[in-house]
Amino acid sequence: MTPALVGDALVRLRRANGQLSGVIRAIEQGEDCAAVLTQLAAVSRALDRAGFKIVASGMRHCQAARDRGEEPPMTEAELEKLFLSLA
């Protein structure tokens, strides 16, 4: 896995990292429960989307390898298992 392969997922993960830091600060400062949970839900969605983006990138990478006549680094079954682990 390289930054070039996952592309936008890395950006999403960095953003989620910042959001999670904000959630932790909000809890430590005793902020409103609803606001904390709203931000926590946003972090969760960002992580889910990053995971799906990584799987999608892996699918494209494996298909490109097949198109070049190479053995892909992962089988379709392995990719499916990773995808389902996110669901």
C-alpha atoms as a PDB file:
ATOM      1  CA  MET A   1       0.000   0.000   0.000  1.00  0.00           C
ATOM      2  CA  THR A   2       1.365   3.359  -1.028  1.00  0.00           C
ATOM      3  CA  PRO A   3       0.035   6.912  -0.674  1.00  0.00           C
ATOM      4  CA  ALA A   4      -0.285   7.067  -4.462  1.00  0.00           C
ATOM      5  CA  LEU A   5      -2.462   3.950  -4.471  1.00  0.00           C
ATOM      6  CA  VAL A   6      -4.877   5.069  -1.761  1.00  0.00           C
ATOM      7  CA  GLY A   7      -4.862   8.750  -2.745  1.00  0.00           C
ATOM      8  CA  ASP A   8      -7.974  10.434  -1.391  1.00  0.00           C
ATOM      9  CA  ALA A   9      -8.327   7.883   1.423  1.00  0.00           C
ATOM     10  CA  LEU A  10      -5.191   9.254   3.067  1.00  0.00           C
ATOM     11  CA  VAL A  11      -6.638  12.770   2.965  1.00  0.00           C
ATOM     12  CA  ARG A  12      -9.847  11.453   4.512  1.00  0.00           C
ATOM     13  CA  LEU A  13      -7.916   9.673   7.263  1.00  0.00           C
ATOM     14  CA  ARG A  14      -5.954  12.800   8.131  1.00  0.00           C
ATOM     15  CA  ARG A  15      -9.191  14.763   8.311  1.00  0.00           C
ATOM     16  CA  ALA A  16     -10.780  12.088  10.516  1.00  0.00           C
ATOM     17  CA  ASN A  17      -7.736  12.190  12.763  1.00  0.00           C
ATOM     18  CA  GLY A  18      -8.272  15.917  13.287  1.00  0.00           C
ATOM     19  CA  GLN A  19     -11.984  15.397  13.897  1.00  0.00           C
ATOM     20  CA  LEU A  20     -11.265  12.681  16.458  1.00  0.00           C
ATOM     21  CA  SER A  21      -8.874  14.992  18.290  1.00  0.00           C
ATOM     22  CA  GLY A  22     -11.687  17.530  18.386  1.00  0.00           C
ATOM     23  CA  VAL A  23     -14.085  14.948  19.828  1.00  0.00           C
ATOM     24  CA  ILE A  24     -11.592  14.042  22.545  1.00  0.00           C
ATOM     25  CA  ARG A  25     -11.089  17.720  23.425  1.00  0.00           C
ATOM     26  CA  ALA A  26     -14.842  18.285  23.500  1.00  0.00           C
ATOM     27  CA  ILE A  27     -15.317  15.398  25.930  1.00  0.00           C
ATOM     28  CA  GLU A  28     -12.419  16.583  28.112  1.00  0.00           C
ATOM     29  CA  GLN A  29     -13.932  20.083  28.199  1.00  0.00           C
ATOM     30  CA  GLY A  30     -17.363  18.742  29.122  1.00  0.00           C
ATOM     31  CA  GLU A  31     -19.125  19.967  25.997  1.00  0.00           C
ATOM     32  CA  ASP A  32     -22.708  19.139  25.100  1.00  0.00           C
ATOM     33  CA  CYS A  33     -23.412  15.429  24.580  1.00  0.00           C
ATOM     34  CA  ALA A  34     -25.363  15.943  21.349  1.00  0.00           C
ATOM     35  CA  ALA A  35     -22.555  17.997  19.794  1.00  0.00           C
ATOM     36  CA  VAL A  36     -19.953  15.399  20.802  1.00  0.00           C
ATOM     37  CA  LEU A  37     -22.020  12.554  19.354  1.00  0.00           C
ATOM     38  CA  THR A  38     -22.632  14.466  16.131  1.00  0.00           C
ATOM     39  CA  GLN A  39     -18.889  14.930  15.689  1.00  0.00           C
ATOM     40  CA  LEU A  40     -18.216  11.311  16.618  1.00  0.00           C
ATOM     41  CA  ALA A  41     -20.689  10.186  13.952  1.00  0.00           C
ATOM     42  CA  ALA A  42     -18.843  12.355  11.414  1.00  0.00           C
ATOM     43  CA  VAL A  43     -15.540  10.696  12.373  1.00  0.00           C
ATOM     44  CA  SER A  44     -17.120   7.272  12.004  1.00  0.00           C
ATOM     45  CA  ARG A  45     -18.459   8.109   8.531  1.00  0.00           C
ATOM     46  CA  ALA A  46     -15.083   9.513   7.490  1.00  0.00           C
ATOM     47  CA  LEU A  47     -13.334   6.311   8.574  1.00  0.00           C
ATOM     48  CA  ASP A  48     -15.898   4.161   6.772  1.00  0.00           C
ATOM     49  CA  ARG A  49     -15.501   6.171   3.569  1.00  0.00           C
ATOM     50  CA  ALA A  50     -11.718   5.970   3.770  1.00  0.00           C
ATOM     51  CA  GLY A  51     -11.938   2.204   4.149  1.00  0.00           C
ATOM     52  CA  PHE A  52     -14.259   1.861   1.175  1.00  0.00           C
ATOM     53  CA  LYS A  53     -11.985   4.132  -0.855  1.00  0.00           C
ATOM     54  CA  ILE A  54      -8.994   1.897  -0.042  1.00  0.00           C
ATOM     55  CA  VAL A  55     -10.897  -1.217  -1.105  1.00  0.00           C
ATOM     56  CA  ALA A  56     -12.007   0.503  -4.324  1.00  0.00           C
ATOM     57  CA  SER A  57      -8.415   1.533  -5.031  1.00  0.00           C
ATOM     58  CA  GLY A  58      -7.307  -2.043  -4.431  1.00  0.00           C
ATOM     59  CA  MET A  59      -9.927  -3.300  -6.870  1.00  0.00           C
ATOM     60  CA  ARG A  60      -8.721  -0.868  -9.544  1.00  0.00           C
ATOM     61  CA  HIS A  61      -5.089  -1.804  -8.861  1.00  0.00           C
ATOM     62  CA  CYS A  62      -5.830  -5.526  -9.151  1.00  0.00           C
ATOM     63  CA  GLN A  63      -7.836  -5.044 -12.344  1.00  0.00           C
ATOM     64  CA  ALA A  64      -5.020  -3.009 -13.882  1.00  0.00           C
ATOM     65  CA  ALA A  65      -2.602  -5.836 -13.057  1.00  0.00           C
ATOM     66  CA  ARG A  66      -4.947  -8.346 -14.738  1.00  0.00           C
ATOM     67  CA  ASP A  67      -5.242  -6.083 -17.793  1.00  0.00           C
ATOM     68  CA  ARG A  68      -1.442  -6.076 -18.083  1.00  0.00           C
ATOM     69  CA  GLY A  69      -1.439  -9.879 -17.885  1.00  0.00           C
ATOM     70  CA  GLU A  70       0.090  -9.879 -14.408  1.00  0.00           C
ATOM     71  CA  GLU A  71      -1.012 -11.735 -11.306  1.00  0.00           C
ATOM     72  CA  PRO A  72      -2.898  -9.262  -9.090  1.00  0.00           C
ATOM     73  CA  PRO A  73      -1.650  -8.843  -5.511  1.00  0.00           C
ATOM     74  CA  MET A  74      -5.040  -9.942  -4.136  1.00  0.00           C
ATOM     75  CA  THR A  75      -7.776 -12.264  -5.302  1.00  0.00           C
ATOM     76  CA  GLU A  76     -11.366 -11.154  -5.754  1.00  0.00           C
ATOM     77  CA  ALA A  77     -12.286 -13.265  -2.714  1.00  0.00           C
ATOM     78  CA  GLU A  78      -9.691 -11.464  -0.581  1.00  0.00           C
ATOM     79  CA  LEU A  79     -10.958  -8.082  -1.723  1.00  0.00           C
ATOM     80  CA  GLU A  80     -14.544  -9.118  -1.039  1.00  0.00           C
ATOM     81  CA  LYS A  81     -13.592 -10.243   2.463  1.00  0.00           C
ATOM     82  CA  LEU A  82     -11.961  -6.865   3.141  1.00  0.00           C
ATOM     83  CA  PHE A  83     -14.984  -5.030   1.783  1.00  0.00           C
ATOM     84  CA  LEU A  84     -17.358  -7.042   3.957  1.00  0.00           C
ATOM     85  CA  SER A  85     -15.207  -6.419   7.033  1.00  0.00           C
ATOM     86  CA  LEU A  86     -16.118  -2.739   6.646  1.00  0.00           C
ATOM     87  CA  ALA A  87     -19.846  -3.331   6.309  1.00  0.00           C
END
